[in-house]
Amino acid sequence: MANIIVGLIVLACLVVAARHIYKLFKGETSCCGTALPKVPEKKLTGPIVGEKIVKIDGMTCANCKNRVEMLLDDIDGAAAKVNLHRGSATVKITRDVSDDEIRRALAGSGYEVQSITQG
C-alpha cells in the first residue's frame, strides 16, 4: 500500500513538472528559459527630469531581469534598472513618460505591473 501512495505522489510531481516544461517551451511562462545576454546599461542623453518606481510581478530569474530592462529601455527617453529581489524597476526619464507607456512596454510579456510611483 505504501508503494502505491509513493508512486502516486511521484506521478503527480512528474505531471506538474511536465506541464511547466510544456508551457516553458511554448513561451507561455514569464521566464523565457533562454539565456539572454547581459543588458548593457542604457545611457540617457539630456538631463534626467524624473524617476519612476515600477513594481512588477512575475520576475523570477536573471533572464527575467534582463528582459524587463530591455523592454523598458525601448521607451524613448527612459532607462531602467531592475532589482530582482525587490520585484521593481527604477526608470530614469529625460521627458514626461506616462504610466501607460510603461504598462504598454511590458504588455504581453508575462510580467504584471502592480504599481507605478514617482521616485
PDB file of N, CA and C in Angstrom:
ATOM      1  N   MET A   1       0.822  -1.206   0.000  1.00  0.00           N
ATOM      2  CA  MET A   1       0.000   0.000   0.000  1.00  0.00           C
ATOM      3  C   MET A   1       0.864   1.267   0.000  1.00  0.00           C
ATOM      4  N   ALA A   2       1.942   1.227   0.795  1.00  0.00           N
ATOM      5  CA  ALA A   2       2.825   2.396   0.869  1.00  0.00           C
ATOM      6  C   ALA A   2       3.483   2.669  -0.479  1.00  0.00           C
ATOM      7  N   ASN A   3       3.831   1.599  -1.200  1.00  0.00           N
ATOM      8  CA  ASN A   3       4.451   1.772  -2.520  1.00  0.00           C
ATOM      9  C   ASN A   3       3.500   2.455  -3.500  1.00  0.00           C
ATOM     10  N   ILE A   4       2.243   2.163  -3.413  1.00  0.00           N
ATOM     11  CA  ILE A   4       1.240   2.782  -4.300  1.00  0.00           C
ATOM     12  C   ILE A   4       1.112   4.270  -3.984  1.00  0.00           C
ATOM     13  N   ILE A   5       1.088   4.620  -2.718  1.00  0.00           N
ATOM     14  CA  ILE A   5       0.973   6.030  -2.331  1.00  0.00           C
ATOM     15  C   ILE A   5       2.200   6.803  -2.791  1.00  0.00           C
ATOM     16  N   VAL A   6       3.387   6.255  -2.563  1.00  0.00           N
ATOM     17  CA  VAL A   6       4.628   6.925  -3.005  1.00  0.00           C
ATOM     18  C   VAL A   6       4.629   7.049  -4.523  1.00  0.00           C
ATOM     19  N   GLY A   7       4.196   6.025  -5.217  1.00  0.00           N
ATOM     20  CA  GLY A   7       4.135   6.061  -6.681  1.00  0.00           C
ATOM     21  C   GLY A   7       3.195   7.142  -7.193  1.00  0.00           C
ATOM     22  N   LEU A   8       2.047   7.292  -6.531  1.00  0.00           N
ATOM     23  CA  LEU A   8       1.092   8.330  -6.936  1.00  0.00           C
ATOM     24  C   LEU A   8       1.654   9.736  -6.691  1.00  0.00           C
ATOM     25  N   ILE A   9       2.371   9.915  -5.580  1.00  0.00           N
ATOM     26  CA  ILE A   9       2.982  11.218  -5.297  1.00  0.00           C
ATOM     27  C   ILE A   9       4.037  11.548  -6.345  1.00  0.00           C
ATOM     28  N   VAL A  10       4.875  10.582  -6.684  1.00  0.00           N
ATOM     29  CA  VAL A  10       5.903  10.795  -7.712  1.00  0.00           C
ATOM     30  C   VAL A  10       5.244  11.097  -9.061  1.00  0.00           C
ATOM     31  N   LEU A  11       4.199  10.383  -9.392  1.00  0.00           N
ATOM     32  CA  LEU A  11       3.490  10.615 -10.657  1.00  0.00           C
ATOM     33  C   LEU A  11       2.905  12.026 -10.697  1.00  0.00           C
ATOM     34  N   ALA A  12       2.316  12.479  -9.592  1.00  0.00           N
ATOM     35  CA  ALA A  12       1.752  13.828  -9.540  1.00  0.00           C
ATOM     36  C   ALA A  12       2.856  14.876  -9.736  1.00  0.00           C
ATOM     37  N   CYS A  13       4.001  14.672  -9.123  1.00  0.00           N
ATOM     38  CA  CYS A  13       5.124  15.615  -9.296  1.00  0.00           C
ATOM     39  C   CYS A  13       5.592  15.650 -10.743  1.00  0.00           C
ATOM     40  N   LEU A  14       5.650  14.497 -11.387  1.00  0.00           N
ATOM     41  CA  LEU A  14       6.063  14.443 -12.784  1.00  0.00           C
ATOM     42  C   LEU A  14       5.072  15.155 -13.697  1.00  0.00           C
ATOM     43  N   VAL A  15       3.790  15.032 -13.417  1.00  0.00           N
ATOM     44  CA  VAL A  15       2.765  15.709 -14.225  1.00  0.00           C
ATOM     45  C   VAL A  15       2.905  17.220 -14.089  1.00  0.00           C
ATOM     46  N   VAL A  16       3.100  17.712 -12.863  1.00  0.00           N
ATOM     47  CA  VAL A  16       3.263  19.155 -12.645  1.00  0.00           C
ATOM     48  C   VAL A  16       4.506  19.656 -13.368  1.00  0.00           C
ATOM     49  N   ALA A  17       5.612  18.916 -13.265  1.00  0.00           N
ATOM     50  CA  ALA A  17       6.854  19.318 -13.929  1.00  0.00           C
ATOM     51  C   ALA A  17       6.699  19.309 -15.445  1.00  0.00           C
ATOM     52  N   ALA A  18       6.025  18.297 -15.983  1.00  0.00           N
ATOM     53  CA  ALA A  18       5.825  18.209 -17.431  1.00  0.00           C
ATOM     54  C   ALA A  18       4.982  19.376 -17.940  1.00  0.00           C
ATOM     55  N   ARG A  19       3.963  19.765 -17.183  1.00  0.00           N
ATOM     56  CA  ARG A  19       3.131  20.910 -17.592  1.00  0.00           C
ATOM     57  C   ARG A  19       3.957  22.193 -17.630  1.00  0.00           C
ATOM     58  N   HIS A  20       4.815  22.388 -16.629  1.00  0.00           N
ATOM     59  CA  HIS A  20       5.649  23.586 -16.589  1.00  0.00           C
ATOM     60  C   HIS A  20       6.629  23.597 -17.768  1.00  0.00           C
ATOM     61  N   ILE A  21       7.246  22.479 -18.047  1.00  0.00           N
ATOM     62  CA  ILE A  21       8.188  22.404 -19.167  1.00  0.00           C
ATOM     63  C   ILE A  21       7.470  22.664 -20.484  1.00  0.00           C
ATOM     64  N   TYR A  22       6.277  22.118 -20.646  1.00  0.00           N
ATOM     65  CA  TYR A  22       5.496  22.344 -21.859  1.00  0.00           C
ATOM     66  C   TYR A  22       5.209  23.837 -22.051  1.00  0.00           C
ATOM     67  N   LYS A  23       4.769  24.519 -20.971  1.00  0.00           N
ATOM     68  CA  LYS A  23       4.496  25.960 -21.047  1.00  0.00           C
ATOM     69  C   LYS A  23       5.777  26.741 -21.316  1.00  0.00           C
ATOM     70  N   LEU A  24       6.877  26.303 -20.742  1.00  0.00           N
ATOM     71  CA  LEU A  24       8.155  26.978 -20.940  1.00  0.00           C
ATOM     72  C   LEU A  24       8.562  26.935 -22.403  1.00  0.00           C
ATOM     73  N   PHE A  25       8.447  25.780 -23.040  1.00  0.00           N
ATOM     74  CA  PHE A  25       8.822  25.653 -24.441  1.00  0.00           C
ATOM     75  C   PHE A  25       7.863  26.388 -25.375  1.00  0.00           C
ATOM     76  N   LYS A  26       6.606  26.523 -24.974  1.00  0.00           N
ATOM     77  CA  LYS A  26       5.650  27.282 -25.780  1.00  0.00           C
ATOM     78  C   LYS A  26       5.803  28.784 -25.586  1.00  0.00           C
ATOM     79  N   GLY A  27       6.590  29.199 -24.574  1.00  0.00           N
ATOM     80  CA  GLY A  27       6.785  30.620 -24.297  1.00  0.00           C
ATOM     81  C   GLY A  27       5.653  31.239 -23.522  1.00  0.00           C
ATOM     82  N   GLU A  28       4.889  30.440 -22.790  1.00  0.00           N
ATOM     83  CA  GLU A  28       3.739  30.962 -22.059  1.00  0.00           C
ATOM     84  C   GLU A  28       4.062  31.358 -20.628  1.00  0.00           C
ATOM     85  N   THR A  29       5.261  31.095 -20.166  1.00  0.00           N
ATOM     86  CA  THR A  29       5.637  31.496 -18.817  1.00  0.00           C
ATOM     87  C   THR A  29       6.387  32.808 -18.876  1.00  0.00           C
ATOM     88  N   SER A  30       6.435  33.508 -17.739  1.00  0.00           N
ATOM     89  CA  SER A  30       7.099  34.805 -17.730  1.00  0.00           C
ATOM     90  C   SER A  30       8.594  34.686 -17.922  1.00  0.00           C
ATOM     91  N   CYS A  31       9.181  33.573 -17.581  1.00  0.00           N
ATOM     92  CA  CYS A  31      10.608  33.362 -17.790  1.00  0.00           C
ATOM     93  C   CYS A  31      10.779  32.667 -19.128  1.00  0.00           C
ATOM     94  N   CYS A  32      11.571  33.272 -19.988  1.00  0.00           N
ATOM     95  CA  CYS A  32      11.707  32.745 -21.343  1.00  0.00           C
ATOM     96  C   CYS A  32      12.492  31.451 -21.374  1.00  0.00           C
ATOM     97  N   GLY A  33      13.328  31.178 -20.363  1.00  0.00           N
ATOM     98  CA  GLY A  33      14.073  29.939 -20.315  1.00  0.00           C
ATOM     99  C   GLY A  33      15.311  29.933 -21.181  1.00  0.00           C
ATOM    100  N   THR A  34      15.493  30.907 -22.026  1.00  0.00           N
ATOM    101  CA  THR A  34      16.669  31.006 -22.871  1.00  0.00           C
ATOM    102  C   THR A  34      17.579  32.067 -22.282  1.00  0.00           C
ATOM    103  N   ALA A  35      18.848  31.741 -22.162  1.00  0.00           N
ATOM    104  CA  ALA A  35      19.789  32.685 -21.577  1.00  0.00           C
ATOM    105  C   ALA A  35      19.895  33.926 -22.455  1.00  0.00           C
ATOM    106  N   LEU A  36      19.583  35.070 -21.876  1.00  0.00           N
ATOM    107  CA  LEU A  36      19.700  36.335 -22.583  1.00  0.00           C
ATOM    108  C   LEU A  36      21.036  36.965 -22.241  1.00  0.00           C
ATOM    109  N   PRO A  37      21.612  37.698 -23.172  1.00  0.00           N
ATOM    110  CA  PRO A  37      22.878  38.367 -22.851  1.00  0.00           C
ATOM    111  C   PRO A  37      22.643  39.458 -21.816  1.00  0.00           C
ATOM    112  N   LYS A  38      23.687  39.769 -21.046  1.00  0.00           N
ATOM    113  CA  LYS A  38      23.584  40.851 -20.065  1.00  0.00           C
ATOM    114  C   LYS A  38      23.278  42.140 -20.802  1.00  0.00           C
ATOM    115  N   VAL A  39      22.318  42.872 -20.295  1.00  0.00           N
ATOM    116  CA  VAL A  39      21.875  44.107 -20.936  1.00  0.00           C
ATOM    117  C   VAL A  39      22.866  45.225 -20.610  1.00  0.00           C
ATOM    118  N   PRO A  40      23.446  45.852 -21.639  1.00  0.00           N
ATOM    119  CA  PRO A  40      24.308  46.996 -21.339  1.00  0.00           C
ATOM    120  C   PRO A  40      23.470  48.147 -20.803  1.00  0.00           C
ATOM    121  N   GLU A  41      24.020  48.867 -19.853  1.00  0.00           N
ATOM    122  CA  GLU A  41      23.282  49.972 -19.257  1.00  0.00           C
ATOM    123  C   GLU A  41      23.019  51.054 -20.303  1.00  0.00           C
ATOM    124  N   LYS A  42      21.772  51.455 -20.419  1.00  0.00           N
ATOM    125  CA  LYS A  42      21.383  52.473 -21.396  1.00  0.00           C
ATOM    126  C   LYS A  42      21.836  53.840 -20.899  1.00  0.00           C
ATOM    127  N   LYS A  43      22.498  54.591 -21.745  1.00  0.00           N
ATOM    128  CA  LYS A  43      22.938  55.946 -21.423  1.00  0.00           C
ATOM    129  C   LYS A  43      21.905  56.933 -21.960  1.00  0.00           C
ATOM    130  N   LEU A  44      21.402  57.762 -21.090  1.00  0.00           N
ATOM    131  CA  LEU A  44      20.428  58.772 -21.489  1.00  0.00           C
ATOM    132  C   LEU A  44      21.149  60.031 -21.935  1.00  0.00           C
ATOM    133  N   THR A  45      20.614  60.645 -22.980  1.00  0.00           N
ATOM    134  CA  THR A  45      21.139  61.935 -23.423  1.00  0.00           C
ATOM    135  C   THR A  45      20.187  63.006 -22.930  1.00  0.00           C
ATOM    136  N   GLY A  46      20.721  64.011 -22.323  1.00  0.00           N
ATOM    137  CA  GLY A  46      19.883  65.074 -21.779  1.00  0.00           C
ATOM    138  C   GLY A  46      19.726  64.921 -20.283  1.00  0.00           C
ATOM    139  N   PRO A  47      19.225  65.963 -19.661  1.00  0.00           N
ATOM    140  CA  PRO A  47      19.075  65.938 -18.209  1.00  0.00           C
ATOM    141  C   PRO A  47      17.936  65.015 -17.766  1.00  0.00           C
ATOM    142  N   ILE A  48      18.146  64.352 -16.650  1.00  0.00           N
ATOM    143  CA  ILE A  48      17.117  63.485 -16.070  1.00  0.00           C
ATOM    144  C   ILE A  48      16.104  64.374 -15.352  1.00  0.00           C
ATOM    145  N   VAL A  49      14.839  64.259 -15.777  1.00  0.00           N
ATOM    146  CA  VAL A  49      13.790  65.122 -15.216  1.00  0.00           C
ATOM    147  C   VAL A  49      12.915  64.403 -14.194  1.00  0.00           C
ATOM    148  N   GLY A  50      13.109  63.098 -14.056  1.00  0.00           N
ATOM    149  CA  GLY A  50      12.299  62.366 -13.100  1.00  0.00           C
ATOM    150  C   GLY A  50      12.703  60.920 -12.999  1.00  0.00           C
ATOM    151  N   GLU A  51      12.018  60.243 -12.079  1.00  0.00           N
ATOM    152  CA  GLU A  51      12.291  58.829 -11.838  1.00  0.00           C
ATOM    153  C   GLU A  51      10.989  58.174 -11.411  1.00  0.00           C
ATOM    154  N   LYS A  52      10.743  56.979 -11.930  1.00  0.00           N
ATOM    155  CA  LYS A  52       9.545  56.235 -11.558  1.00  0.00           C
ATOM    156  C   LYS A  52       9.958  54.866 -11.042  1.00  0.00           C
ATOM    157  N   ILE A  53       9.262  54.424 -10.001  1.00  0.00           N
ATOM    158  CA  ILE A  53       9.480  53.100  -9.441  1.00  0.00           C
ATOM    159  C   ILE A  53       8.314  52.220  -9.887  1.00  0.00           C
ATOM    160  N   VAL A  54       8.626  51.146 -10.594  1.00  0.00           N
ATOM    161  CA  VAL A  54       7.612  50.255 -11.141  1.00  0.00           C
ATOM    162  C   VAL A  54       7.692  48.925 -10.398  1.00  0.00           C
ATOM    163  N   LYS A  55       6.638  48.569  -9.678  1.00  0.00           N
ATOM    164  CA  LYS A  55       6.554  47.272  -9.007  1.00  0.00           C
ATOM    165  C   LYS A  55       6.041  46.269 -10.041  1.00  0.00           C
ATOM    166  N   ILE A  56       6.794  45.169 -10.200  1.00  0.00           N
ATOM    167  CA  ILE A  56       6.494  44.210 -11.257  1.00  0.00           C
ATOM    168  C   ILE A  56       6.389  42.810 -10.650  1.00  0.00           C
ATOM    169  N   ASP A  57       5.334  42.104 -11.001  1.00  0.00           N
ATOM    170  CA  ASP A  57       5.140  40.737 -10.529  1.00  0.00           C
ATOM    171  C   ASP A  57       5.475  39.769 -11.661  1.00  0.00           C
ATOM    172  N   GLY A  58       6.111  38.643 -11.311  1.00  0.00           N
ATOM    173  CA  GLY A  58       6.375  37.609 -12.307  1.00  0.00           C
ATOM    174  C   GLY A  58       7.832  37.428 -12.646  1.00  0.00           C
ATOM    175  N   MET A  59       8.716  38.272 -12.144  1.00  0.00           N
ATOM    176  CA  MET A  59      10.146  38.120 -12.415  1.00  0.00           C
ATOM    177  C   MET A  59      10.713  37.079 -11.452  1.00  0.00           C
ATOM    178  N   THR A  60      11.411  36.091 -11.999  1.00  0.00           N
ATOM    179  CA  THR A  60      11.918  35.009 -11.163  1.00  0.00           C
ATOM    180  C   THR A  60      13.418  34.765 -11.282  1.00  0.00           C
ATOM    181  N   CYS A  61      14.068  35.299 -12.311  1.00  0.00           N
ATOM    182  CA  CYS A  61      15.479  34.970 -12.509  1.00  0.00           C
ATOM    183  C   CYS A  61      16.193  36.113 -13.243  1.00  0.00           C
ATOM    184  N   ALA A  62      17.485  35.919 -13.472  1.00  0.00           N
ATOM    185  CA  ALA A  62      18.294  36.935 -14.157  1.00  0.00           C
ATOM    186  C   ALA A  62      17.805  37.164 -15.586  1.00  0.00           C
ATOM    187  N   ASN A  63      17.280  36.126 -16.226  1.00  0.00           N
ATOM    188  CA  ASN A  63      16.732  36.307 -17.574  1.00  0.00           C
ATOM    189  C   ASN A  63      15.527  37.242 -17.554  1.00  0.00           C
ATOM    190  N   CYS A  64      14.691  37.099 -16.532  1.00  0.00           N
ATOM    191  CA  CYS A  64      13.536  37.987 -16.383  1.00  0.00           C
ATOM    192  C   CYS A  64      14.013  39.430 -16.202  1.00  0.00           C
ATOM    193  N   LYS A  65      15.008  39.614 -15.347  1.00  0.00           N
ATOM    194  CA  LYS A  65      15.574  40.942 -15.095  1.00  0.00           C
ATOM    195  C   LYS A  65      16.063  41.568 -16.403  1.00  0.00           C
ATOM    196  N   ASN A  66      16.835  40.803 -17.165  1.00  0.00           N
ATOM    197  CA  ASN A  66      17.358  41.314 -18.439  1.00  0.00           C
ATOM    198  C   ASN A  66      16.238  41.647 -19.417  1.00  0.00           C
ATOM    199  N   ARG A  67      15.239  40.788 -19.468  1.00  0.00           N
ATOM    200  CA  ARG A  67      14.132  41.011 -20.407  1.00  0.00           C
ATOM    201  C   ARG A  67      13.342  42.277 -20.054  1.00  0.00           C
ATOM    202  N   VAL A  68      13.054  42.474 -18.766  1.00  0.00           N
ATOM    203  CA  VAL A  68      12.305  43.660 -18.340  1.00  0.00           C
ATOM    204  C   VAL A  68      13.129  44.920 -18.611  1.00  0.00           C
ATOM    205  N   GLU A  69      14.429  44.881 -18.324  1.00  0.00           N
ATOM    206  CA  GLU A  69      15.271  46.047 -18.609  1.00  0.00           C
ATOM    207  C   GLU A  69      15.279  46.371 -20.098  1.00  0.00           C
ATOM    208  N   MET A  70      15.360  45.338 -20.952  1.00  0.00           N
ATOM    209  CA  MET A  70      15.344  45.583 -22.397  1.00  0.00           C
ATOM    210  C   MET A  70      14.022  46.197 -22.838  1.00  0.00           C
ATOM    211  N   LEU A  71      12.907  45.686 -22.315  1.00  0.00           N
ATOM    212  CA  LEU A  71      11.596  46.199 -22.702  1.00  0.00           C
ATOM    213  C   LEU A  71      11.411  47.648 -22.267  1.00  0.00           C
ATOM    214  N   LEU A  72      11.830  47.976 -21.052  1.00  0.00           N
ATOM    215  CA  LEU A  72      11.674  49.347 -20.559  1.00  0.00           C
ATOM    216  C   LEU A  72      12.674  50.289 -21.223  1.00  0.00           C
ATOM    217  N   ASP A  73      13.866  49.799 -21.548  1.00  0.00           N
ATOM    218  CA  ASP A  73      14.857  50.636 -22.227  1.00  0.00           C
ATOM    219  C   ASP A  73      14.427  50.994 -23.649  1.00  0.00           C
ATOM    220  N   ASP A  74      13.490  50.241 -24.213  1.00  0.00           N
ATOM    221  CA  ASP A  74      12.976  50.560 -25.552  1.00  0.00           C
ATOM    222  C   ASP A  74      12.121  51.827 -25.553  1.00  0.00           C
ATOM    223  N   ILE A  75      11.695  52.289 -24.388  1.00  0.00           N
ATOM    224  CA  ILE A  75      10.934  53.536 -24.300  1.00  0.00           C
ATOM    225  C   ILE A  75      11.895  54.691 -24.547  1.00  0.00           C
ATOM    226  N   ASP A  76      11.536  55.552 -25.489  1.00  0.00           N
ATOM    227  CA  ASP A  76      12.373  56.715 -25.799  1.00  0.00           C
ATOM    228  C   ASP A  76      12.446  57.639 -24.586  1.00  0.00           C
ATOM    229  N   GLY A  77      13.669  57.979 -24.169  1.00  0.00           N
ATOM    230  CA  GLY A  77      13.847  58.879 -23.045  1.00  0.00           C
ATOM    231  C   GLY A  77      13.765  58.211 -21.686  1.00  0.00           C
ATOM    232  N   ALA A  78      13.910  56.869 -21.647  1.00  0.00           N
ATOM    233  CA  ALA A  78      13.835  56.142 -20.377  1.00  0.00           C
ATOM    234  C   ALA A  78      14.950  55.108 -20.299  1.00  0.00           C
ATOM    235  N   ALA A  79      15.487  54.940 -19.096  1.00  0.00           N
ATOM    236  CA  ALA A  79      16.492  53.914 -18.832  1.00  0.00           C
ATOM    237  C   ALA A  79      16.117  53.217 -17.533  1.00  0.00           C
ATOM    238  N   ALA A  80      16.106  51.889 -17.564  1.00  0.00           N
ATOM    239  CA  ALA A  80      15.637  51.109 -16.416  1.00  0.00           C
ATOM    240  C   ALA A  80      16.760  50.322 -15.759  1.00  0.00           C
ATOM    241  N   LYS A  81      16.618  50.162 -14.465  1.00  0.00           N
ATOM    242  CA  LYS A  81      17.486  49.286 -13.680  1.00  0.00           C
ATOM    243  C   LYS A  81      16.560  48.454 -12.801  1.00  0.00           C
ATOM    244  N   VAL A  82      16.613  47.138 -12.962  1.00  0.00           N
ATOM    245  CA  VAL A  82      15.705  46.231 -12.262  1.00  0.00           C
ATOM    246  C   VAL A  82      16.389  45.660 -11.024  1.00  0.00           C
ATOM    247  N   ASN A  83      15.639  45.623  -9.930  1.00  0.00           N
ATOM    248  CA  ASN A  83      16.063  44.950  -8.708  1.00  0.00           C
ATOM    249  C   ASN A  83      15.185  43.715  -8.582  1.00  0.00           C
ATOM    250  N   LEU A  84      15.757  42.566  -8.903  1.00  0.00           N
ATOM    251  CA  LEU A  84      15.003  41.321  -8.932  1.00  0.00           C
ATOM    252  C   LEU A  84      14.455  40.957  -7.558  1.00  0.00           C
ATOM    253  N   HIS A  85      15.258  41.162  -6.511  1.00  0.00           N
ATOM    254  CA  HIS A  85      14.830  40.772  -5.165  1.00  0.00           C
ATOM    255  C   HIS A  85      13.676  41.618  -4.649  1.00  0.00           C
ATOM    256  N   ARG A  86      13.620  42.872  -5.036  1.00  0.00           N
ATOM    257  CA  ARG A  86      12.512  43.740  -4.622  1.00  0.00           C
ATOM    258  C   ARG A  86      11.332  43.646  -5.572  1.00  0.00           C
ATOM    259  N   GLY A  87      11.543  43.068  -6.747  1.00  0.00           N
ATOM    260  CA  GLY A  87      10.473  42.975  -7.732  1.00  0.00           C
ATOM    261  C   GLY A  87      10.088  44.326  -8.290  1.00  0.00           C
ATOM    262  N   SER A  88      11.117  45.166  -8.518  1.00  0.00           N
ATOM    263  CA  SER A  88      10.825  46.514  -9.007  1.00  0.00           C
ATOM    264  C   SER A  88      11.874  46.975 -10.005  1.00  0.00           C
ATOM    265  N   ALA A  89      11.494  47.995 -10.756  1.00  0.00           N
ATOM    266  CA  ALA A  89      12.400  48.639 -11.695  1.00  0.00           C
ATOM    267  C   ALA A  89      12.407  50.134 -11.403  1.00  0.00           C
ATOM    268  N   THR A  90      13.587  50.708 -11.409  1.00  0.00           N
ATOM    269  CA  THR A  90      13.724  52.157 -11.301  1.00  0.00           C
ATOM    270  C   THR A  90      13.937  52.683 -12.708  1.00  0.00           C
ATOM    271  N   VAL A  91      13.045  53.544 -13.156  1.00  0.00           N
ATOM    272  CA  VAL A  91      13.105  54.070 -14.519  1.00  0.00           C
ATOM    273  C   VAL A  91      13.437  55.557 -14.446  1.00  0.00           C
ATOM    274  N   LYS A  92      14.620  55.918 -14.931  1.00  0.00           N
ATOM    275  CA  LYS A  92      15.002  57.332 -15.008  1.00  0.00           C
ATOM    276  C   LYS A  92      14.539  57.854 -16.352  1.00  0.00           C
ATOM    277  N   ILE A  93      14.004  59.086 -16.350  1.00  0.00           N
ATOM    278  CA  ILE A  93      13.416  59.623 -17.576  1.00  0.00           C
ATOM    279  C   ILE A  93      13.964  61.017 -17.892  1.00  0.00           C
ATOM    280  N   THR A  94      14.084  61.286 -19.191  1.00  0.00           N
ATOM    281  CA  THR A  94      14.535  62.605 -19.648  1.00  0.00           C
ATOM    282  C   THR A  94      13.398  63.412 -20.253  1.00  0.00           C
ATOM    283  N   ARG A  95      12.201  62.824 -20.263  1.00  0.00           N
ATOM    284  CA  ARG A  95      10.997  63.517 -20.753  1.00  0.00           C
ATOM    285  C   ARG A  95       9.826  62.972 -19.960  1.00  0.00           C
ATOM    286  N   ASP A  96       8.667  63.543 -20.144  1.00  0.00           N
ATOM    287  CA  ASP A  96       7.480  63.081 -19.436  1.00  0.00           C
ATOM    288  C   ASP A  96       7.037  61.747 -20.040  1.00  0.00           C
ATOM    289  N   VAL A  97       7.298  60.665 -19.330  1.00  0.00           N
ATOM    290  CA  VAL A  97       6.896  59.323 -19.760  1.00  0.00           C
ATOM    291  C   VAL A  97       5.665  58.943 -18.942  1.00  0.00           C
ATOM    292  N   SER A  98       4.580  58.643 -19.627  1.00  0.00           N
ATOM    293  CA  SER A  98       3.330  58.324 -18.918  1.00  0.00           C
ATOM    294  C   SER A  98       3.379  56.901 -18.361  1.00  0.00           C
ATOM    295  N   ASP A  99       2.554  56.684 -17.356  1.00  0.00           N
ATOM    296  CA  ASP A  99       2.428  55.342 -16.784  1.00  0.00           C
ATOM    297  C   ASP A  99       1.922  54.358 -17.833  1.00  0.00           C
ATOM    298  N   ASP A 100       1.061  54.833 -18.728  1.00  0.00           N
ATOM    299  CA  ASP A 100       0.537  53.970 -19.785  1.00  0.00           C
ATOM    300  C   ASP A 100       1.638  53.497 -20.730  1.00  0.00           C
ATOM    301  N   GLU A 101       2.620  54.370 -21.017  1.00  0.00           N
ATOM    302  CA  GLU A 101       3.748  53.957 -21.867  1.00  0.00           C
ATOM    303  C   GLU A 101       4.511  52.813 -21.220  1.00  0.00           C
ATOM    304  N   ILE A 102       4.713  52.905 -19.914  1.00  0.00           N
ATOM    305  CA  ILE A 102       5.428  51.860 -19.188  1.00  0.00           C
ATOM    306  C   ILE A 102       4.626  50.567 -19.209  1.00  0.00           C
ATOM    307  N   ARG A 103       3.333  50.674 -18.978  1.00  0.00           N
ATOM    308  CA  ARG A 103       2.476  49.476 -18.997  1.00  0.00           C
ATOM    309  C   ARG A 103       2.459  48.838 -20.389  1.00  0.00           C
ATOM    310  N   ARG A 104       2.395  49.665 -21.434  1.00  0.00           N
ATOM    311  CA  ARG A 104       2.399  49.143 -22.813  1.00  0.00           C
ATOM    312  C   ARG A 104       3.712  48.442 -23.142  1.00  0.00           C
ATOM    313  N   ALA A 105       4.829  48.965 -22.617  1.00  0.00           N
ATOM    314  CA  ALA A 105       6.135  48.358 -22.885  1.00  0.00           C
ATOM    315  C   ALA A 105       6.212  46.935 -22.336  1.00  0.00           C
ATOM    316  N   LEU A 106       5.514  46.680 -21.231  1.00  0.00           N
ATOM    317  CA  LEU A 106       5.537  45.360 -20.608  1.00  0.00           C
ATOM    318  C   LEU A 106       4.329  44.495 -20.966  1.00  0.00           C
ATOM    319  N   ALA A 107       3.377  45.055 -21.693  1.00  0.00           N
ATOM    320  CA  ALA A 107       2.157  44.317 -22.050  1.00  0.00           C
ATOM    321  C   ALA A 107       2.504  43.087 -22.890  1.00  0.00           C
ATOM    322  N   GLY A 108       1.892  41.985 -22.558  1.00  0.00           N
ATOM    323  CA  GLY A 108       2.088  40.760 -23.316  1.00  0.00           C
ATOM    324  C   GLY A 108       3.393  40.040 -23.037  1.00  0.00           C
ATOM    325  N   SER A 109       4.174  40.527 -22.081  1.00  0.00           N
ATOM    326  CA  SER A 109       5.471  39.926 -21.793  1.00  0.00           C
ATOM    327  C   SER A 109       5.390  38.839 -20.726  1.00  0.00           C
ATOM    328  N   GLY A 110       4.261  38.754 -20.042  1.00  0.00           N
ATOM    329  CA  GLY A 110       4.131  37.784 -18.967  1.00  0.00           C
ATOM    330  C   GLY A 110       4.404  38.385 -17.596  1.00  0.00           C
ATOM    331  N   TYR A 111       4.794  39.656 -17.569  1.00  0.00           N
ATOM    332  CA  TYR A 111       5.051  40.348 -16.306  1.00  0.00           C
ATOM    333  C   TYR A 111       3.898  41.308 -16.048  1.00  0.00           C
ATOM    334  N   GLU A 112       3.494  41.419 -14.794  1.00  0.00           N
ATOM    335  CA  GLU A 112       2.352  42.260 -14.447  1.00  0.00           C
ATOM    336  C   GLU A 112       2.812  43.467 -13.641  1.00  0.00           C
ATOM    337  N   VAL A 113       2.464  44.657 -14.121  1.00  0.00           N
ATOM    338  CA  VAL A 113       2.776  45.886 -13.403  1.00  0.00           C
ATOM    339  C   VAL A 113       1.794  46.022 -12.256  1.00  0.00           C
ATOM    340  N   GLN A 114       2.323  46.040 -11.031  1.00  0.00           N
ATOM    341  CA  GLN A 114       1.491  46.174  -9.839  1.00  0.00           C
ATOM    342  C   GLN A 114       1.200  47.635  -9.540  1.00  0.00           C
ATOM    343  N   SER A 115       2.242  48.469  -9.615  1.00  0.00           N
ATOM    344  CA  SER A 115       2.068  49.895  -9.325  1.00  0.00           C
ATOM    345  C   SER A 115       3.214  50.693  -9.938  1.00  0.00           C
ATOM    346  N   ILE A 116       2.964  51.973 -10.143  1.00  0.00           N
ATOM    347  CA  ILE A 116       3.981  52.909 -10.635  1.00  0.00           C
ATOM    348  C   ILE A 116       3.904  54.149  -9.756  1.00  0.00           C
ATOM    349  N   THR A 117       5.041  54.496  -9.147  1.00  0.00           N
ATOM    350  CA  THR A 117       5.092  55.669  -8.274  1.00  0.00           C
ATOM    351  C   THR A 117       6.266  56.558  -8.678  1.00  0.00           C
ATOM    352  N   GLN A 118       6.180  57.827  -8.282  1.00  0.00           N
ATOM    353  CA  GLN A 118       7.291  58.748  -8.525  1.00  0.00           C
ATOM    354  C   GLN A 118       8.429  58.399  -7.589  1.00  0.00           C
ATOM    355  N   GLY A 119       9.660  58.451  -8.122  1.00  0.00           N
ATOM    356  CA  GLY A 119      10.845  58.110  -7.314  1.00  0.00           C
ATOM    357  C   GLY A 119      11.416  59.287  -6.583  1.00  0.00           C
TER     358      GLY A 119
END
